[in-house]
Amino acid sequence: KDYGFKDIVYSGPLYKSMKIEGNKVRASFEYADSGLMAKGDSIKGF
């Protein structure tokens, strides 16, 4: 933001919006253009 390193991704995913799809919810995020990943075999904490 302050020193011109434009190619740096500086934030982790921030919640943006949700959409209900049947019995599921789809959550969308900012700062996730390159995709998301989980540390481990499955996503935890939801």
ModelCIF file with pLDDT and N, C-alpha, C, O atoms, coordinates in Angstrom:
data_MODEL
#
_entry.id   MODEL 
#
_entity.id                         1 
_entity.type                       polymer 
_entity.pdbx_number_of_molecules   1 
#
_entity_poly.entity_id                      1 
_entity_poly.type                           'polypeptide(L)' 
_entity_poly.nstd_linkage                   no 
_entity_poly.nstd_monomer                   no 
_entity_poly.pdbx_seq_one_letter_code       KDYGFKDIVYSGPLYKSMKIEGNKVRASFEYADSGLMAKGDSIKGF 
_entity_poly.pdbx_seq_one_letter_code_can   KDYGFKDIVYSGPLYKSMKIEGNKVRASFEYADSGLMAKGDSIKGF 
_entity_poly.pdbx_strand_id                 A 
#
loop_
_entity_poly_seq.entity_id 
_entity_poly_seq.num 
_entity_poly_seq.mon_id 
_entity_poly_seq.hetero 
1 1  LYS n 
1 2  ASP n 
1 3  TYR n 
1 4  GLY n 
1 5  PHE n 
1 6  LYS n 
1 7  ASP n 
1 8  ILE n 
1 9  VAL n 
1 10 TYR n 
1 11 SER n 
1 12 GLY n 
1 13 PRO n 
1 14 LEU n 
1 15 TYR n 
1 16 LYS n 
1 17 SER n 
1 18 MET n 
1 19 LYS n 
1 20 ILE n 
1 21 GLU n 
1 22 GLY n 
1 23 ASN n 
1 24 LYS n 
1 25 VAL n 
1 26 ARG n 
1 27 ALA n 
1 28 SER n 
1 29 PHE n 
1 30 GLU n 
1 31 TYR n 
1 32 ALA n 
1 33 ASP n 
1 34 SER n 
1 35 GLY n 
1 36 LEU n 
1 37 MET n 
1 38 ALA n 
1 39 LYS n 
1 40 GLY n 
1 41 ASP n 
1 42 SER n 
1 43 ILE n 
1 44 LYS n 
1 45 GLY n 
1 46 PHE n 
#
_struct_asym.id          A 
_struct_asym.entity_id   1 
#
loop_
_ma_qa_metric.id 
_ma_qa_metric.mode 
_ma_qa_metric.name 
_ma_qa_metric.software_group_id 
_ma_qa_metric.type 
1 global pLDDT . pLDDT 
2 local  pLDDT . pLDDT 
#
_ma_qa_metric_global.metric_id      1 
_ma_qa_metric_global.metric_value   95.80 
_ma_qa_metric_global.model_id       1 
_ma_qa_metric_global.ordinal_id     1 
#
loop_
_ma_qa_metric_local.label_asym_id 
_ma_qa_metric_local.label_comp_id 
_ma_qa_metric_local.label_seq_id 
_ma_qa_metric_local.metric_id 
_ma_qa_metric_local.metric_value 
_ma_qa_metric_local.model_id 
_ma_qa_metric_local.ordinal_id 
A LYS 1  2 98.00 1 1  
A ASP 2  2 98.00 1 2  
A TYR 3  2 98.00 1 3  
A GLY 4  2 96.00 1 4  
A PHE 5  2 96.00 1 5  
A LYS 6  2 93.00 1 6  
A ASP 7  2 94.00 1 7  
A ILE 8  2 96.00 1 8  
A VAL 9  2 96.00 1 9  
A TYR 10 2 98.00 1 10 
A SER 11 2 98.00 1 11 
A GLY 12 2 97.00 1 12 
A PRO 13 2 98.00 1 13 
A LEU 14 2 98.00 1 14 
A TYR 15 2 98.00 1 15 
A LYS 16 2 98.00 1 16 
A SER 17 2 97.00 1 17 
A MET 18 2 97.00 1 18 
A LYS 19 2 97.00 1 19 
A ILE 20 2 97.00 1 20 
A GLU 21 2 97.00 1 21 
A GLY 22 2 96.00 1 22 
A ASN 23 2 96.00 1 23 
A LYS 24 2 97.00 1 24 
A VAL 25 2 98.00 1 25 
A ARG 26 2 98.00 1 26 
A ALA 27 2 98.00 1 27 
A SER 28 2 98.00 1 28 
A PHE 29 2 98.00 1 29 
A GLU 30 2 97.00 1 30 
A TYR 31 2 97.00 1 31 
A ALA 32 2 96.00 1 32 
A ASP 33 2 93.00 1 33 
A SER 34 2 93.00 1 34 
A GLY 35 2 95.00 1 35 
A LEU 36 2 97.00 1 36 
A MET 37 2 96.00 1 37 
A ALA 38 2 95.00 1 38 
A LYS 39 2 91.00 1 39 
A GLY 40 2 86.00 1 40 
A ASP 41 2 84.00 1 41 
A SER 42 2 90.00 1 42 
A ILE 43 2 94.00 1 43 
A LYS 44 2 95.00 1 44 
A GLY 45 2 96.00 1 45 
A PHE 46 2 98.00 1 46 
#
loop_
_atom_site.group_PDB 
_atom_site.id 
_atom_site.type_symbol 
_atom_site.label_atom_id 
_atom_site.label_alt_id 
_atom_site.label_comp_id 
_atom_site.label_asym_id 
_atom_site.label_entity_id 
_atom_site.label_seq_id 
_atom_site.pdbx_PDB_ins_code 
_atom_site.Cartn_x 
_atom_site.Cartn_y 
_atom_site.Cartn_z 
_atom_site.occupancy 
_atom_site.B_iso_or_equiv 
_atom_site.pdbx_formal_charge 
_atom_site.auth_seq_id 
_atom_site.auth_comp_id 
_atom_site.auth_asym_id 
_atom_site.auth_atom_id 
_atom_site.pdbx_PDB_model_num 
ATOM 1   N N  . LYS A 1 1  ? 0.795   -1.228  0.000  1.00 98.00 ? 1  LYS A N  1 
ATOM 2   C CA . LYS A 1 1  ? 0.000   0.000   0.000  1.00 98.00 ? 1  LYS A CA 1 
ATOM 3   C C  . LYS A 1 1  ? 0.830   1.282   0.000  1.00 98.00 ? 1  LYS A C  1 
ATOM 4   O O  . LYS A 1 1  ? 0.397   2.304   -0.533 1.00 98.00 ? 1  LYS A O  1 
ATOM 5   N N  . ASP A 1 2  ? 2.025   1.228   0.598  1.00 98.00 ? 2  ASP A N  1 
ATOM 6   C CA . ASP A 1 2  ? 2.781   2.465   0.813  1.00 98.00 ? 2  ASP A CA 1 
ATOM 7   C C  . ASP A 1 2  ? 4.109   2.525   0.071  1.00 98.00 ? 2  ASP A C  1 
ATOM 8   O O  . ASP A 1 2  ? 4.688   3.601   -0.081 1.00 98.00 ? 2  ASP A O  1 
ATOM 9   N N  . TYR A 1 3  ? 4.593   1.385   -0.390 1.00 98.00 ? 3  TYR A N  1 
ATOM 10  C CA . TYR A 1 3  ? 5.927   1.363   -0.980 1.00 98.00 ? 3  TYR A CA 1 
ATOM 11  C C  . TYR A 1 3  ? 5.968   0.775   -2.391 1.00 98.00 ? 3  TYR A C  1 
ATOM 12  O O  . TYR A 1 3  ? 7.037   0.427   -2.892 1.00 98.00 ? 3  TYR A O  1 
ATOM 13  N N  . GLY A 1 4  ? 4.802   0.665   -3.028 1.00 96.00 ? 4  GLY A N  1 
ATOM 14  C CA . GLY A 1 4  ? 4.773   0.378   -4.452 1.00 96.00 ? 4  GLY A CA 1 
ATOM 15  C C  . GLY A 1 4  ? 4.981   -1.066  -4.874 1.00 96.00 ? 4  GLY A C  1 
ATOM 16  O O  . GLY A 1 4  ? 5.200   -1.319  -6.058 1.00 96.00 ? 4  GLY A O  1 
ATOM 17  N N  . PHE A 1 5  ? 4.924   -2.024  -3.955 1.00 96.00 ? 5  PHE A N  1 
ATOM 18  C CA . PHE A 1 5  ? 5.067   -3.427  -4.338 1.00 96.00 ? 5  PHE A CA 1 
ATOM 19  C C  . PHE A 1 5  ? 3.694   -3.959  -4.765 1.00 96.00 ? 5  PHE A C  1 
ATOM 20  O O  . PHE A 1 5  ? 3.012   -4.636  -3.996 1.00 96.00 ? 5  PHE A O  1 
ATOM 21  N N  . LYS A 1 6  ? 3.307   -3.645  -5.985 1.00 93.00 ? 6  LYS A N  1 
ATOM 22  C CA . LYS A 1 6  ? 1.954   -3.904  -6.460 1.00 93.00 ? 6  LYS A CA 1 
ATOM 23  C C  . LYS A 1 6  ? 1.647   -5.389  -6.626 1.00 93.00 ? 6  LYS A C  1 
ATOM 24  O O  . LYS A 1 6  ? 0.479   -5.779  -6.615 1.00 93.00 ? 6  LYS A O  1 
ATOM 25  N N  . ASP A 1 7  ? 2.667   -6.215  -6.780 1.00 94.00 ? 7  ASP A N  1 
ATOM 26  C CA . ASP A 1 7  ? 2.436   -7.633  -7.027 1.00 94.00 ? 7  ASP A CA 1 
ATOM 27  C C  . ASP A 1 7  ? 2.238   -8.433  -5.736 1.00 94.00 ? 7  ASP A C  1 
ATOM 28  O O  . ASP A 1 7  ? 2.027   -9.644  -5.793 1.00 94.00 ? 7  ASP A O  1 
ATOM 29  N N  . ILE A 1 8  ? 2.302   -7.777  -4.581 1.00 96.00 ? 8  ILE A N  1 
ATOM 30  C CA . ILE A 1 8  ? 2.169   -8.469  -3.297 1.00 96.00 ? 8  ILE A CA 1 
ATOM 31  C C  . ILE A 1 8  ? 0.700   -8.620  -2.920 1.00 96.00 ? 8  ILE A C  1 
ATOM 32  O O  . ILE A 1 8  ? -0.056  -7.648  -2.944 1.00 96.00 ? 8  ILE A O  1 
ATOM 33  N N  . VAL A 1 9  ? 0.299   -9.841  -2.572 1.00 96.00 ? 9  VAL A N  1 
ATOM 34  C CA . VAL A 1 9  ? -1.007  -10.061 -1.957 1.00 96.00 ? 9  VAL A CA 1 
ATOM 35  C C  . VAL A 1 9  ? -0.833  -9.837  -0.457 1.00 96.00 ? 9  VAL A C  1 
ATOM 36  O O  . VAL A 1 9  ? -0.027  -10.514 0.181  1.00 96.00 ? 9  VAL A O  1 
ATOM 37  N N  . TYR A 1 10 ? -1.566  -8.912  0.097  1.00 98.00 ? 10 TYR A N  1 
ATOM 38  C CA . TYR A 1 10 ? -1.287  -8.436  1.451  1.00 98.00 ? 10 TYR A CA 1 
ATOM 39  C C  . TYR A 1 10 ? -2.328  -8.851  2.481  1.00 98.00 ? 10 TYR A C  1 
ATOM 40  O O  . TYR A 1 10 ? -2.139  -8.602  3.671  1.00 98.00 ? 10 TYR A O  1 
ATOM 41  N N  . SER A 1 11 ? -3.423  -9.479  2.056  1.00 98.00 ? 11 SER A N  1 
ATOM 42  C CA . SER A 1 11 ? -4.464  -9.867  2.997  1.00 98.00 ? 11 SER A CA 1 
ATOM 43  C C  . SER A 1 11 ? -4.900  -11.298 2.741  1.00 98.00 ? 11 SER A C  1 
ATOM 44  O O  . SER A 1 11 ? -4.892  -11.773 1.606  1.00 98.00 ? 11 SER A O  1 
ATOM 45  N N  . GLY A 1 12 ? -5.282  -11.976 3.813  1.00 97.00 ? 12 GLY A N  1 
ATOM 46  C CA . GLY A 1 12 ? -5.930  -13.264 3.671  1.00 97.00 ? 12 GLY A CA 1 
ATOM 47  C C  . GLY A 1 12 ? -7.373  -13.058 3.253  1.00 97.00 ? 12 GLY A C  1 
ATOM 48  O O  . GLY A 1 12 ? -7.835  -11.918 3.209  1.00 97.00 ? 12 GLY A O  1 
ATOM 49  N N  . PRO A 1 13 ? -8.107  -14.134 2.942  1.00 98.00 ? 13 PRO A N  1 
ATOM 50  C CA . PRO A 1 13 ? -9.496  -14.026 2.498  1.00 98.00 ? 13 PRO A CA 1 
ATOM 51  C C  . PRO A 1 13 ? -10.387 -13.312 3.520  1.00 98.00 ? 13 PRO A C  1 
ATOM 52  O O  . PRO A 1 13 ? -10.344 -13.600 4.716  1.00 98.00 ? 13 PRO A O  1 
ATOM 53  N N  . LEU A 1 14 ? -11.188 -12.383 3.020  1.00 98.00 ? 14 LEU A N  1 
ATOM 54  C CA . LEU A 1 14 ? -12.186 -11.687 3.827  1.00 98.00 ? 14 LEU A CA 1 
ATOM 55  C C  . LEU A 1 14 ? -13.567 -12.009 3.269  1.00 98.00 ? 14 LEU A C  1 
ATOM 56  O O  . LEU A 1 14 ? -13.785 -11.930 2.060  1.00 98.00 ? 14 LEU A O  1 
ATOM 57  N N  . TYR A 1 15 ? -14.483 -12.364 4.131  1.00 98.00 ? 15 TYR A N  1 
ATOM 58  C CA . TYR A 1 15 ? -15.834 -12.728 3.698  1.00 98.00 ? 15 TYR A CA 1 
ATOM 59  C C  . TYR A 1 15 ? -16.481 -11.584 2.930  1.00 98.00 ? 15 TYR A C  1 
ATOM 60  O O  . TYR A 1 15 ? -16.411 -10.426 3.340  1.00 98.00 ? 15 TYR A O  1 
ATOM 61  N N  . LYS A 1 16 ? -17.116 -11.928 1.806  1.00 98.00 ? 16 LYS A N  1 
ATOM 62  C CA . LYS A 1 16 ? -17.765 -10.921 0.959  1.00 98.00 ? 16 LYS A CA 1 
ATOM 63  C C  . LYS A 1 16 ? -19.277 -11.113 0.889  1.00 98.00 ? 16 LYS A C  1 
ATOM 64  O O  . LYS A 1 16 ? -20.032 -10.162 1.096  1.00 98.00 ? 16 LYS A O  1 
ATOM 65  N N  . SER A 1 17 ? -19.728 -12.341 0.599  1.00 97.00 ? 17 SER A N  1 
ATOM 66  C CA . SER A 1 17 ? -21.166 -12.563 0.433  1.00 97.00 ? 17 SER A CA 1 
ATOM 67  C C  . SER A 1 17 ? -21.481 -14.049 0.536  1.00 97.00 ? 17 SER A C  1 
ATOM 68  O O  . SER A 1 17 ? -20.586 -14.892 0.488  1.00 97.00 ? 17 SER A O  1 
ATOM 69  N N  . MET A 1 18 ? -22.773 -14.355 0.680  1.00 97.00 ? 18 MET A N  1 
ATOM 70  C CA . MET A 1 18 ? -23.215 -15.752 0.727  1.00 97.00 ? 18 MET A CA 1 
ATOM 71  C C  . MET A 1 18 ? -24.399 -15.953 -0.209 1.00 97.00 ? 18 MET A C  1 
ATOM 72  O O  . MET A 1 18 ? -25.132 -15.017 -0.529 1.00 97.00 ? 18 MET A O  1 
ATOM 73  N N  . LYS A 1 19 ? -24.563 -17.197 -0.637 1.00 97.00 ? 19 LYS A N  1 
ATOM 74  C CA . LYS A 1 19 ? -25.685 -17.561 -1.494 1.00 97.00 ? 19 LYS A CA 1 
ATOM 75  C C  . LYS A 1 19 ? -26.164 -18.942 -1.079 1.00 97.00 ? 19 LYS A C  1 
ATOM 76  O O  . LYS A 1 19 ? -25.371 -19.880 -1.000 1.00 97.00 ? 19 LYS A O  1 
ATOM 77  N N  . ILE A 1 20 ? -27.464 -19.070 -0.815 1.00 97.00 ? 20 ILE A N  1 
ATOM 78  C CA . ILE A 1 20 ? -28.033 -20.362 -0.424 1.00 97.00 ? 20 ILE A CA 1 
ATOM 79  C C  . ILE A 1 20 ? -28.331 -21.176 -1.677 1.00 97.00 ? 20 ILE A C  1 
ATOM 80  O O  . ILE A 1 20 ? -29.034 -20.717 -2.577 1.00 97.00 ? 20 ILE A O  1 
ATOM 81  N N  . GLU A 1 21 ? -27.794 -22.380 -1.724 1.00 97.00 ? 21 GLU A N  1 
ATOM 82  C CA . GLU A 1 21 ? -28.003 -23.288 -2.848 1.00 97.00 ? 21 GLU A CA 1 
ATOM 83  C C  . GLU A 1 21 ? -28.532 -24.617 -2.302 1.00 97.00 ? 21 GLU A C  1 
ATOM 84  O O  . GLU A 1 21 ? -27.762 -25.522 -1.981 1.00 97.00 ? 21 GLU A O  1 
ATOM 85  N N  . GLY A 1 22 ? -29.848 -24.714 -2.203 1.00 96.00 ? 22 GLY A N  1 
ATOM 86  C CA . GLY A 1 22 ? -30.459 -25.906 -1.638 1.00 96.00 ? 22 GLY A CA 1 
ATOM 87  C C  . GLY A 1 22 ? -30.158 -26.032 -0.163 1.00 96.00 ? 22 GLY A C  1 
ATOM 88  O O  . GLY A 1 22 ? -30.500 -25.146 0.621  1.00 96.00 ? 22 GLY A O  1 
ATOM 89  N N  . ASN A 1 23 ? -29.511 -27.140 0.229  1.00 96.00 ? 23 ASN A N  1 
ATOM 90  C CA . ASN A 1 23 ? -29.170 -27.318 1.639  1.00 96.00 ? 23 ASN A CA 1 
ATOM 91  C C  . ASN A 1 23 ? -27.737 -26.864 1.945  1.00 96.00 ? 23 ASN A C  1 
ATOM 92  O O  . ASN A 1 23 ? -27.190 -27.159 3.008  1.00 96.00 ? 23 ASN A O  1 
ATOM 93  N N  . LYS A 1 24 ? -27.146 -26.144 0.991  1.00 97.00 ? 24 LYS A N  1 
ATOM 94  C CA . LYS A 1 24 ? -25.765 -25.662 1.157  1.00 97.00 ? 24 LYS A CA 1 
ATOM 95  C C  . LYS A 1 24 ? -25.724 -24.138 1.096  1.00 97.00 ? 24 LYS A C  1 
ATOM 96  O O  . LYS A 1 24 ? -26.634 -23.492 0.576  1.00 97.00 ? 24 LYS A O  1 
ATOM 97  N N  . VAL A 1 25 ? -24.659 -23.593 1.634  1.00 98.00 ? 25 VAL A N  1 
ATOM 98  C CA . VAL A 1 25 ? -24.382 -22.157 1.541  1.00 98.00 ? 25 VAL A CA 1 
ATOM 99  C C  . VAL A 1 25 ? -23.042 -21.980 0.842  1.00 98.00 ? 25 VAL A C  1 
ATOM 100 O O  . VAL A 1 25 ? -22.057 -22.629 1.194  1.00 98.00 ? 25 VAL A O  1 
ATOM 101 N N  . ARG A 1 26 ? -23.016 -21.098 -0.150 1.00 98.00 ? 26 ARG A N  1 
ATOM 102 C CA . ARG A 1 26 ? -21.766 -20.778 -0.850 1.00 98.00 ? 26 ARG A CA 1 
ATOM 103 C C  . ARG A 1 26 ? -21.260 -19.424 -0.349 1.00 98.00 ? 26 ARG A C  1 
ATOM 104 O O  . ARG A 1 26 ? -21.926 -18.402 -0.510 1.00 98.00 ? 26 ARG A O  1 
ATOM 105 N N  . ALA A 1 27 ? -20.081 -19.434 0.253  1.00 98.00 ? 27 ALA A N  1 
ATOM 106 C CA . ALA A 1 27 ? -19.470 -18.208 0.771  1.00 98.00 ? 27 ALA A CA 1 
ATOM 107 C C  . ALA A 1 27 ? -18.405 -17.716 -0.204 1.00 98.00 ? 27 ALA A C  1 
ATOM 108 O O  . ALA A 1 27 ? -17.553 -18.484 -0.651 1.00 98.00 ? 27 ALA A O  1 
ATOM 109 N N  . SER A 1 28 ? -18.465 -16.430 -0.525 1.00 98.00 ? 28 SER A N  1 
ATOM 110 C CA . SER A 1 28 ? -17.484 -15.816 -1.428 1.00 98.00 ? 28 SER A CA 1 
ATOM 111 C C  . SER A 1 28 ? -16.585 -14.875 -0.646 1.00 98.00 ? 28 SER A C  1 
ATOM 112 O O  . SER A 1 28 ? -16.960 -14.364 0.409  1.00 98.00 ? 28 SER A O  1 
ATOM 113 N N  . PHE A 1 29 ? -15.381 -14.654 -1.187 1.00 98.00 ? 29 PHE A N  1 
ATOM 114 C CA . PHE A 1 29 ? -14.359 -13.916 -0.447 1.00 98.00 ? 29 PHE A CA 1 
ATOM 115 C C  . PHE A 1 29 ? -13.633 -12.904 -1.323 1.00 98.00 ? 29 PHE A C  1 
ATOM 116 O O  . PHE A 1 29 ? -13.493 -13.078 -2.534 1.00 98.00 ? 29 PHE A O  1 
ATOM 117 N N  . GLU A 1 30 ? -13.182 -11.852 -0.673 1.00 97.00 ? 30 GLU A N  1 
ATOM 118 C CA . GLU A 1 30 ? -12.194 -10.959 -1.274 1.00 97.00 ? 30 GLU A CA 1 
ATOM 119 C C  . GLU A 1 30 ? -10.801 -11.533 -0.996 1.00 97.00 ? 30 GLU A C  1 
ATOM 120 O O  . GLU A 1 30 ? -10.631 -12.374 -0.114 1.00 97.00 ? 30 GLU A O  1 
ATOM 121 N N  . TYR A 1 31 ? -9.818  -11.069 -1.753 1.00 97.00 ? 31 TYR A N  1 
ATOM 122 C CA . TYR A 1 31 ? -8.422  -11.511 -1.588 1.00 97.00 ? 31 TYR A CA 1 
ATOM 123 C C  . TYR A 1 31 ? -8.294  -13.028 -1.754 1.00 97.00 ? 31 TYR A C  1 
ATOM 124 O O  . TYR A 1 31 ? -7.546  -13.690 -1.035 1.00 97.00 ? 31 TYR A O  1 
ATOM 125 N N  . ALA A 1 32 ? -9.044  -13.554 -2.721 1.00 96.00 ? 32 ALA A N  1 
ATOM 126 C CA . ALA A 1 32 ? -8.970  -14.988 -3.008 1.00 96.00 ? 32 ALA A CA 1 
ATOM 127 C C  . ALA A 1 32 ? -8.932  -15.220 -4.520 1.00 96.00 ? 32 ALA A C  1 
ATOM 128 O O  . ALA A 1 32 ? -9.352  -16.273 -5.000 1.00 96.00 ? 32 ALA A O  1 
ATOM 129 N N  . ASP A 1 33 ? -8.432  -14.241 -5.265 1.00 93.00 ? 33 ASP A N  1 
ATOM 130 C CA . ASP A 1 33 ? -8.438  -14.339 -6.726 1.00 93.00 ? 33 ASP A CA 1 
ATOM 131 C C  . ASP A 1 33 ? -7.645  -15.534 -7.237 1.00 93.00 ? 33 ASP A C  1 
ATOM 132 O O  . ASP A 1 33 ? -7.994  -16.137 -8.252 1.00 93.00 ? 33 ASP A O  1 
ATOM 133 N N  . SER A 1 34 ? -6.575  -15.868 -6.522 1.00 93.00 ? 34 SER A N  1 
ATOM 134 C CA . SER A 1 34 ? -5.745  -16.992 -6.967 1.00 93.00 ? 34 SER A CA 1 
ATOM 135 C C  . SER A 1 34 ? -6.280  -18.329 -6.470 1.00 93.00 ? 34 SER A C  1 
ATOM 136 O O  . SER A 1 34 ? -5.705  -19.377 -6.763 1.00 93.00 ? 34 SER A O  1 
ATOM 137 N N  . GLY A 1 35 ? -7.369  -18.296 -5.724 1.00 95.00 ? 35 GLY A N  1 
ATOM 138 C CA . GLY A 1 35 ? -7.960  -19.520 -5.199 1.00 95.00 ? 35 GLY A CA 1 
ATOM 139 C C  . GLY A 1 35 ? -7.740  -19.690 -3.714 1.00 95.00 ? 35 GLY A C  1 
ATOM 140 O O  . GLY A 1 35 ? -6.972  -18.956 -3.092 1.00 95.00 ? 35 GLY A O  1 
ATOM 141 N N  . LEU A 1 36 ? -8.435  -20.679 -3.151 1.00 97.00 ? 36 LEU A N  1 
ATOM 142 C CA . LEU A 1 36 ? -8.359  -20.961 -1.728 1.00 97.00 ? 36 LEU A CA 1 
ATOM 143 C C  . LEU A 1 36 ? -7.686  -22.304 -1.494 1.00 97.00 ? 36 LEU A C  1 
ATOM 144 O O  . LEU A 1 36 ? -7.600  -23.134 -2.398 1.00 97.00 ? 36 LEU A O  1 
ATOM 145 N N  . MET A 1 37 ? -7.212  -22.507 -0.278 1.00 96.00 ? 37 MET A N  1 
ATOM 146 C CA . MET A 1 37 ? -6.596  -23.772 0.085  1.00 96.00 ? 37 MET A CA 1 
ATOM 147 C C  . MET A 1 37 ? -6.809  -24.027 1.576  1.00 96.00 ? 37 MET A C  1 
ATOM 148 O O  . MET A 1 37 ? -7.064  -23.105 2.350  1.00 96.00 ? 37 MET A O  1 
ATOM 149 N N  . ALA A 1 38 ? -6.702  -25.276 1.952  1.00 95.00 ? 38 ALA A N  1 
ATOM 150 C CA . ALA A 1 38 ? -6.808  -25.659 3.359  1.00 95.00 ? 38 ALA A CA 1 
ATOM 151 C C  . ALA A 1 38 ? -5.482  -26.227 3.818  1.00 95.00 ? 38 ALA A C  1 
ATOM 152 O O  . ALA A 1 38 ? -4.795  -26.927 3.074  1.00 95.00 ? 38 ALA A O  1 
ATOM 153 N N  . LYS A 1 39 ? -5.133  -25.916 5.055  1.00 91.00 ? 39 LYS A N  1 
ATOM 154 C CA . LYS A 1 39 ? -3.936  -26.503 5.653  1.00 91.00 ? 39 LYS A CA 1 
ATOM 155 C C  . LYS A 1 39 ? -4.363  -27.799 6.330  1.00 91.00 ? 39 LYS A C  1 
ATOM 156 O O  . LYS A 1 39 ? -4.905  -27.784 7.435  1.00 91.00 ? 39 LYS A O  1 
ATOM 157 N N  . GLY A 1 40 ? -4.112  -28.925 5.655  1.00 86.00 ? 40 GLY A N  1 
ATOM 158 C CA . GLY A 1 40 ? -4.568  -30.210 6.154  1.00 86.00 ? 40 GLY A CA 1 
ATOM 159 C C  . GLY A 1 40 ? -5.477  -30.896 5.156  1.00 86.00 ? 40 GLY A C  1 
ATOM 160 O O  . GLY A 1 40 ? -5.626  -30.441 4.022  1.00 86.00 ? 40 GLY A O  1 
ATOM 161 N N  . ASP A 1 41 ? -6.086  -31.996 5.582  1.00 84.00 ? 41 ASP A N  1 
ATOM 162 C CA . ASP A 1 41 ? -6.894  -32.813 4.677  1.00 84.00 ? 41 ASP A CA 1 
ATOM 163 C C  . ASP A 1 41 ? -8.277  -32.233 4.416  1.00 84.00 ? 41 ASP A C  1 
ATOM 164 O O  . ASP A 1 41 ? -8.840  -32.434 3.340  1.00 84.00 ? 41 ASP A O  1 
ATOM 165 N N  . SER A 1 42 ? -8.826  -31.517 5.387  1.00 90.00 ? 42 SER A N  1 
ATOM 166 C CA . SER A 1 42 ? -10.184 -30.976 5.239  1.00 90.00 ? 42 SER A CA 1 
ATOM 167 C C  . SER A 1 42 ? -10.282 -29.617 5.906  1.00 90.00 ? 42 SER A C  1 
ATOM 168 O O  . SER A 1 42 ? -9.470  -29.267 6.763  1.00 90.00 ? 42 SER A O  1 
ATOM 169 N N  . ILE A 1 43 ? -11.294 -28.855 5.499  1.00 94.00 ? 43 ILE A N  1 
ATOM 170 C CA . ILE A 1 43 ? -11.483 -27.524 6.084  1.00 94.00 ? 43 ILE A CA 1 
ATOM 171 C C  . ILE A 1 43 ? -12.150 -27.655 7.452  1.00 94.00 ? 43 ILE A C  1 
ATOM 172 O O  . ILE A 1 43 ? -13.120 -28.395 7.616  1.00 94.00 ? 43 ILE A O  1 
ATOM 173 N N  . LYS A 1 44 ? -11.621 -26.934 8.415  1.00 95.00 ? 44 LYS A N  1 
ATOM 174 C CA . LYS A 1 44 ? -12.156 -26.948 9.766  1.00 95.00 ? 44 LYS A CA 1 
ATOM 175 C C  . LYS A 1 44 ? -12.637 -25.549 10.154 1.00 95.00 ? 44 LYS A C  1 
ATOM 176 O O  . LYS A 1 44 ? -12.241 -24.550 9.553  1.00 95.00 ? 44 LYS A O  1 
ATOM 177 N N  . GLY A 1 45 ? -13.497 -25.500 11.170 1.00 96.00 ? 45 GLY A N  1 
ATOM 178 C CA . GLY A 1 45 ? -13.867 -24.218 11.752 1.00 96.00 ? 45 GLY A CA 1 
ATOM 179 C C  . GLY A 1 45 ? -15.174 -23.631 11.283 1.00 96.00 ? 45 GLY A C  1 
ATOM 180 O O  . GLY A 1 45 ? -15.528 -22.529 11.705 1.00 96.00 ? 45 GLY A O  1 
ATOM 181 N N  . PHE A 1 46 ? -15.928 -24.335 10.407 1.00 98.00 ? 46 PHE A N  1 
ATOM 182 C CA . PHE A 1 46 ? -17.207 -23.815 9.923  1.00 98.00 ? 46 PHE A CA 1 
ATOM 183 C C  . PHE A 1 46 ? -18.368 -24.346 10.757 1.00 98.00 ? 46 PHE A C  1 
ATOM 184 O O  . PHE A 1 46 ? -19.523 -24.011 10.491 1.00 98.00 ? 46 PHE A O  1 
#
